[in-house]
Amino acid sequence: MAGKLAGKVALVTGAARGQGRSHAIRLAQDGADIIAIDFVSEVDSVAPFYGPSTEADLAETVRQVEALDRRIFTSKADVRDIDALTEAVNEGVAQLGRLDIVVANAGIFTFGTETHRVDEQSWSDLMDINITGVWHTYKAAAEHLIASGPGGSVIIISSLAGFKGLANVAAYTTTKHAIVGLMKVLANELGPHQIRVNTIHPNAIDTPMVKNETTYKLFRPDLEHPTLEDAEPAFGGLNPFGIGFIEPIHVSNAVAWLASDESYYVSGGQIPVDAGAAIK
């Protein structure tokens, strides 16, 4: 399969479903082979908000990538575990031959309480997965990425919360700001290798992480059991387009552009894919 990413290999974390699956498939459409990593296990502090991805979810990512006639290596590694993650990345590179693109996508979302009332474990889990997990992803990939030479790309998935101070979302917002700082450091470190580093900042995405009753209640606290229909107008109020949710493919299109040589000198950037929410 020819494409602008033909001959390249991309690592995607959180690849079993949602944005991660969408990114993996979109990169495969452009010709990349995929190293797909996901924890596929529950994080206790997240359980009240939404359920975990599953092995069946990861298998579906494999099915869709292979349907594009691309190779895919998978591992059920936890980004908090640097040894397991490094082993997974090393094995993926050994099987697929190289590493050119890193998409640090894995993350969790909890919210809905005043900052001084945030649960200690919830705070720790968000820091460990959303910040340390991104650092671990880069750490496990760095030597392979540098060895592949100029033209590499590190793409870190941040959020609208990486631009704005969202009330009652302190821990998540802190993590999404923090990885912007990491991105800026890496852009300076990897520039001499002609490898670029950027963050992407989506608004509310049409995924299980956002589309659940707990999230709806954040926007409609007046209702005991708010539905999607109850909450969608409030989500739409976040951006000038007035749309409730952004489809993952639009974020994935930005990922694909940043992964390709079309963005060769784009580095150190914070790319919004948010229907203008960051400026509202």
Protein backbone atom coordinates (compact mmCIF):
# COMPACT_ATOMS: atom_id res chain seq x y z
CA MET A 1 0.00 0.00 0.00
CA ALA A 2 1.57 3.25 -1.13
CA GLY A 3 1.19 6.42 0.88
CA LYS A 4 3.05 9.36 2.32
CA LEU A 5 4.02 7.25 5.36
CA ALA A 6 5.06 4.16 3.38
CA GLY A 7 8.06 2.45 4.93
CA LYS A 8 7.53 4.15 8.30
CA VAL A 9 6.53 2.65 11.65
CA ALA A 10 4.35 4.42 14.20
CA LEU A 11 3.95 3.73 17.92
CA VAL A 12 0.48 4.55 19.27
CA THR A 13 -0.41 4.22 22.96
CA GLY A 14 -4.00 3.81 24.10
CA ALA A 15 -4.63 2.18 20.73
CA ALA A 16 -7.46 -0.20 21.63
CA ARG A 17 -10.33 2.22 21.05
CA GLY A 18 -11.34 5.87 20.79
CA GLN A 19 -8.73 8.33 19.60
CA GLY A 20 -5.92 5.77 19.77
CA ARG A 21 -7.63 3.36 17.40
CA SER A 22 -8.54 6.21 15.08
CA HIS A 23 -4.92 7.43 15.00
CA ALA A 24 -3.58 3.93 14.30
CA ILE A 25 -6.00 3.37 11.43
CA ARG A 26 -5.42 6.81 9.93
CA LEU A 27 -1.64 6.35 9.96
CA ALA A 28 -2.04 2.89 8.44
CA GLN A 29 -4.18 4.43 5.67
CA ASP A 30 -1.14 6.53 4.79
CA GLY A 31 1.08 3.46 4.68
CA ALA A 32 2.59 3.18 8.17
CA ASP A 33 2.99 -0.05 10.08
CA ILE A 34 1.79 0.19 13.68
CA ILE A 35 3.02 -0.67 17.17
CA ALA A 36 -0.23 -0.55 19.17
CA ILE A 37 -0.05 -0.51 22.96
CA ASP A 38 -2.91 -0.43 25.45
CA PHE A 39 -3.36 -1.35 29.12
CA VAL A 40 -6.79 -3.01 28.56
CA SER A 41 -7.37 -3.10 32.32
CA GLU A 42 -9.38 -1.02 34.74
CA VAL A 43 -7.98 1.92 36.72
CA ASP A 44 -9.98 1.98 39.96
CA SER A 45 -10.23 5.77 40.22
CA VAL A 46 -11.62 5.95 36.68
CA ALA A 47 -14.21 3.17 37.11
CA PRO A 48 -17.00 5.51 38.35
CA PHE A 49 -16.64 7.57 35.17
CA TYR A 50 -16.28 5.09 32.29
CA GLY A 51 -15.18 1.52 31.66
CA PRO A 52 -11.78 0.31 30.44
CA SER A 53 -10.84 -0.77 26.97
CA THR A 54 -10.82 -4.53 26.41
CA GLU A 55 -8.83 -7.17 24.57
CA ALA A 56 -11.71 -7.32 22.09
CA ASP A 57 -11.26 -3.59 21.47
CA LEU A 58 -7.56 -4.10 20.77
CA ALA A 59 -8.35 -7.02 18.47
CA GLU A 60 -10.68 -4.75 16.50
CA THR A 61 -7.86 -2.24 16.04
CA VAL A 62 -5.71 -5.08 14.71
CA ARG A 63 -8.48 -6.18 12.35
CA GLN A 64 -8.94 -2.72 10.89
CA VAL A 65 -5.22 -2.07 10.44
CA GLU A 66 -4.64 -5.45 8.83
CA ALA A 67 -7.59 -4.81 6.50
CA LEU A 68 -5.48 -1.97 5.11
CA ASP A 69 -2.70 -4.47 4.37
CA ARG A 70 -0.43 -3.01 7.03
CA ARG A 71 1.53 -4.84 9.70
CA ILE A 72 0.65 -4.33 13.35
CA PHE A 73 2.32 -5.42 16.58
CA THR A 74 0.31 -5.22 19.81
CA SER A 75 1.15 -5.31 23.50
CA LYS A 76 -0.95 -5.01 26.66
CA ALA A 77 1.56 -2.80 28.47
CA ASP A 78 0.87 -0.14 31.09
CA VAL A 79 2.53 3.23 30.36
CA ARG A 80 3.18 3.54 34.10
CA ASP A 81 5.48 0.51 33.93
CA ILE A 82 8.65 1.62 32.15
CA ASP A 83 10.14 -1.88 32.03
CA ALA A 84 7.05 -3.44 30.45
CA LEU A 85 6.64 -0.51 28.07
CA THR A 86 10.28 -0.59 27.00
CA GLU A 87 10.09 -4.33 26.39
CA ALA A 88 6.96 -3.86 24.28
CA VAL A 89 8.50 -1.09 22.18
CA ASN A 90 11.74 -3.03 21.72
CA GLU A 91 9.83 -6.11 20.56
CA GLY A 92 7.67 -4.05 18.23
CA VAL A 93 10.72 -2.45 16.64
CA ALA A 94 12.42 -5.84 16.35
CA GLN A 95 9.41 -7.17 14.43
CA LEU A 96 8.68 -4.13 12.27
CA GLY A 97 12.24 -2.93 11.74
CA ARG A 98 12.33 0.71 12.86
CA LEU A 99 10.44 3.53 14.59
CA ASP A 100 9.69 6.89 12.99
CA ILE A 101 6.54 8.23 14.66
CA VAL A 102 5.46 8.30 18.30
CA VAL A 103 1.86 9.15 19.20
CA ALA A 104 1.63 9.51 22.99
CA ASN A 105 -2.14 9.20 23.24
CA ALA A 106 -2.85 7.08 26.33
CA GLY A 107 -4.59 9.02 29.07
CA ILE A 108 -7.43 9.03 31.57
CA PHE A 109 -10.04 11.61 32.55
CA THR A 110 -11.63 12.29 35.94
CA PHE A 111 -13.32 15.51 37.00
CA GLY A 112 -16.28 17.14 38.65
CA THR A 113 -15.16 18.26 42.08
CA GLU A 114 -13.56 21.31 43.64
CA THR A 115 -9.78 21.19 43.65
CA HIS A 116 -9.43 20.85 47.42
CA ARG A 117 -11.81 17.87 47.34
CA VAL A 118 -9.99 15.86 44.65
CA ASP A 119 -9.34 12.31 45.83
CA GLU A 120 -5.67 11.54 46.49
CA GLN A 121 -5.66 8.34 44.43
CA SER A 122 -7.44 10.03 41.54
CA TRP A 123 -4.83 12.79 41.50
CA SER A 124 -1.97 10.27 41.61
CA ASP A 125 -3.42 8.11 38.83
CA LEU A 126 -3.84 11.10 36.53
CA MET A 127 -0.27 12.25 37.15
CA ASP A 128 1.13 8.74 36.70
CA ILE A 129 -0.69 7.98 33.45
CA ASN A 130 -1.13 11.36 31.77
CA ILE A 131 2.29 12.83 32.58
CA THR A 132 4.69 10.06 33.59
CA GLY A 133 3.10 7.77 31.01
CA VAL A 134 3.87 10.26 28.24
CA TRP A 135 7.44 10.62 29.47
CA HIS A 136 7.78 6.82 29.64
CA THR A 137 6.44 6.50 26.09
CA TYR A 138 9.10 8.85 24.82
CA LYS A 139 11.78 7.29 27.03
CA ALA A 140 11.04 3.81 25.69
CA ALA A 141 11.01 5.04 22.09
CA ALA A 142 13.76 7.66 22.02
CA GLU A 143 16.79 5.59 21.00
CA HIS A 144 14.85 3.86 18.22
CA LEU A 145 13.44 7.16 16.99
CA ILE A 146 16.84 8.84 16.87
CA ALA A 147 18.38 5.81 15.17
CA SER A 148 15.84 6.05 12.35
CA GLY A 149 17.20 9.49 11.50
CA PRO A 150 15.80 12.82 10.27
CA GLY A 151 12.10 13.21 9.58
CA GLY A 152 10.81 11.60 12.76
CA SER A 153 7.84 12.98 14.65
CA VAL A 154 6.64 12.87 18.26
CA ILE A 155 2.97 13.77 18.65
CA ILE A 156 1.58 14.23 22.16
CA ILE A 157 -2.19 14.34 22.60
CA SER A 158 -3.03 17.15 25.01
CA SER A 159 -6.47 18.78 25.27
CA LEU A 160 -8.42 22.00 25.37
CA ALA A 161 -7.50 21.64 29.07
CA GLY A 162 -3.89 22.18 27.98
CA PHE A 163 -4.86 25.73 27.02
CA LYS A 164 -7.53 26.70 29.55
CA GLY A 165 -8.07 26.44 33.31
CA LEU A 166 -11.24 24.36 33.39
CA ALA A 167 -13.05 24.64 36.72
CA ASN A 168 -13.57 21.37 38.63
CA VAL A 169 -11.12 19.57 36.35
CA ALA A 170 -7.92 20.39 38.26
CA ALA A 171 -5.96 17.15 38.02
CA TYR A 172 -6.66 16.53 34.34
CA THR A 173 -6.00 20.17 33.44
CA THR A 174 -2.70 20.07 35.33
CA THR A 175 -1.58 17.00 33.37
CA LYS A 176 -2.51 18.45 30.00
CA HIS A 177 -0.58 21.65 30.72
CA ALA A 178 2.41 19.66 31.99
CA ILE A 179 2.88 17.66 28.81
CA VAL A 180 3.04 20.90 26.83
CA GLY A 181 6.14 21.75 28.86
CA LEU A 182 7.59 18.33 28.10
CA MET A 183 6.85 18.86 24.41
CA LYS A 184 8.77 22.13 24.37
CA VAL A 185 11.80 20.54 26.01
CA LEU A 186 11.78 17.62 23.56
CA ALA A 187 11.38 19.94 20.58
CA ASN A 188 14.65 21.60 21.60
CA GLU A 189 16.42 18.33 22.34
CA LEU A 190 15.35 16.57 19.14
CA GLY A 191 15.69 19.52 16.78
CA PRO A 192 19.37 18.76 16.12
CA HIS A 193 18.26 15.29 14.98
CA GLN A 194 15.66 16.89 12.67
CA ILE A 195 12.89 15.22 14.64
CA ARG A 196 9.90 17.40 15.42
CA VAL A 197 7.69 17.40 18.52
CA ASN A 198 4.21 18.90 18.87
CA THR A 199 1.05 18.68 20.94
CA ILE A 200 -2.51 18.41 19.63
CA HIS A 201 -5.34 19.96 21.65
CA PRO A 202 -8.79 18.50 20.97
CA ASN A 203 -12.05 19.67 22.50
CA ALA A 204 -14.70 17.14 23.65
CA ILE A 205 -14.28 14.02 21.50
CA ASP A 206 -16.95 11.52 20.54
CA THR A 207 -15.46 8.68 22.61
CA PRO A 208 -16.48 6.71 25.74
CA MET A 209 -14.16 8.91 27.83
CA VAL A 210 -16.48 11.86 27.23
CA LYS A 211 -19.82 10.35 26.26
CA ASN A 212 -21.02 9.01 29.62
CA GLU A 213 -23.52 10.07 32.28
CA THR A 214 -20.86 11.30 34.70
CA THR A 215 -19.54 13.74 32.13
CA TYR A 216 -23.04 14.84 31.22
CA LYS A 217 -23.68 15.60 34.89
CA LEU A 218 -20.68 17.94 34.95
CA PHE A 219 -22.56 20.10 32.45
CA ARG A 220 -26.07 19.43 33.78
CA PRO A 221 -25.74 19.17 37.58
CA ASP A 222 -29.41 20.12 37.85
CA LEU A 223 -30.41 16.68 36.55
CA GLU A 224 -30.03 13.42 38.49
CA HIS A 225 -29.55 11.30 35.35
CA PRO A 226 -28.77 13.60 32.41
CA THR A 227 -28.77 12.12 28.92
CA LEU A 228 -26.70 12.97 25.86
CA GLU A 229 -29.59 15.07 24.60
CA ASP A 230 -29.67 16.98 27.89
CA ALA A 231 -25.94 17.75 27.86
CA GLU A 232 -25.11 18.25 24.20
CA PRO A 233 -26.20 21.93 24.03
CA ALA A 234 -23.90 22.71 26.96
CA PHE A 235 -20.99 20.98 25.22
CA GLY A 236 -21.80 22.99 22.11
CA GLY A 237 -21.52 26.17 24.13
CA LEU A 238 -17.79 25.53 24.58
CA ASN A 239 -16.94 26.50 21.00
CA PRO A 240 -17.96 29.05 18.36
CA PHE A 241 -19.10 26.29 15.98
CA GLY A 242 -21.76 25.29 18.48
CA ILE A 243 -21.04 21.57 18.01
CA GLY A 244 -21.21 19.20 20.96
CA PHE A 245 -18.51 16.71 20.01
CA ILE A 246 -15.62 16.39 17.57
CA GLU A 247 -15.19 13.10 15.72
CA PRO A 248 -11.85 11.35 16.39
CA ILE A 249 -10.97 11.29 12.69
CA HIS A 250 -10.46 15.06 12.67
CA VAL A 251 -7.82 14.73 15.39
CA SER A 252 -6.32 11.79 13.51
CA ASN A 253 -6.04 13.88 10.35
CA ALA A 254 -3.89 16.33 12.32
CA VAL A 255 -1.84 13.41 13.66
CA ALA A 256 -1.27 12.14 10.12
CA TRP A 257 -0.17 15.58 8.94
CA LEU A 258 2.28 15.98 11.82
CA ALA A 259 3.58 12.47 11.13
CA SER A 260 4.29 13.24 7.47
CA ASP A 261 6.99 15.24 5.73
CA GLU A 262 4.32 17.82 4.89
CA SER A 263 4.95 19.22 8.40
CA TYR A 264 8.73 18.86 8.18
CA TYR A 265 9.57 22.15 9.93
CA VAL A 266 6.58 22.25 12.28
CA SER A 267 7.96 21.72 15.78
CA GLY A 268 7.23 23.10 19.23
CA GLY A 269 3.64 23.79 18.21
CA GLN A 270 0.34 23.49 20.07
CA ILE A 271 -2.17 22.50 17.40
CA PRO A 272 -5.83 23.09 18.32
CA VAL A 273 -8.48 20.77 16.89
CA ASP A 274 -11.34 22.23 18.90
CA ALA A 275 -13.75 24.19 16.67
CA GLY A 276 -12.29 27.37 18.15
CA ALA A 277 -12.93 26.49 21.79
CA ALA A 278 -9.53 27.72 22.92
CA ILE A 279 -10.33 31.28 21.88
CA LYS A 280 -13.85 31.42 23.30
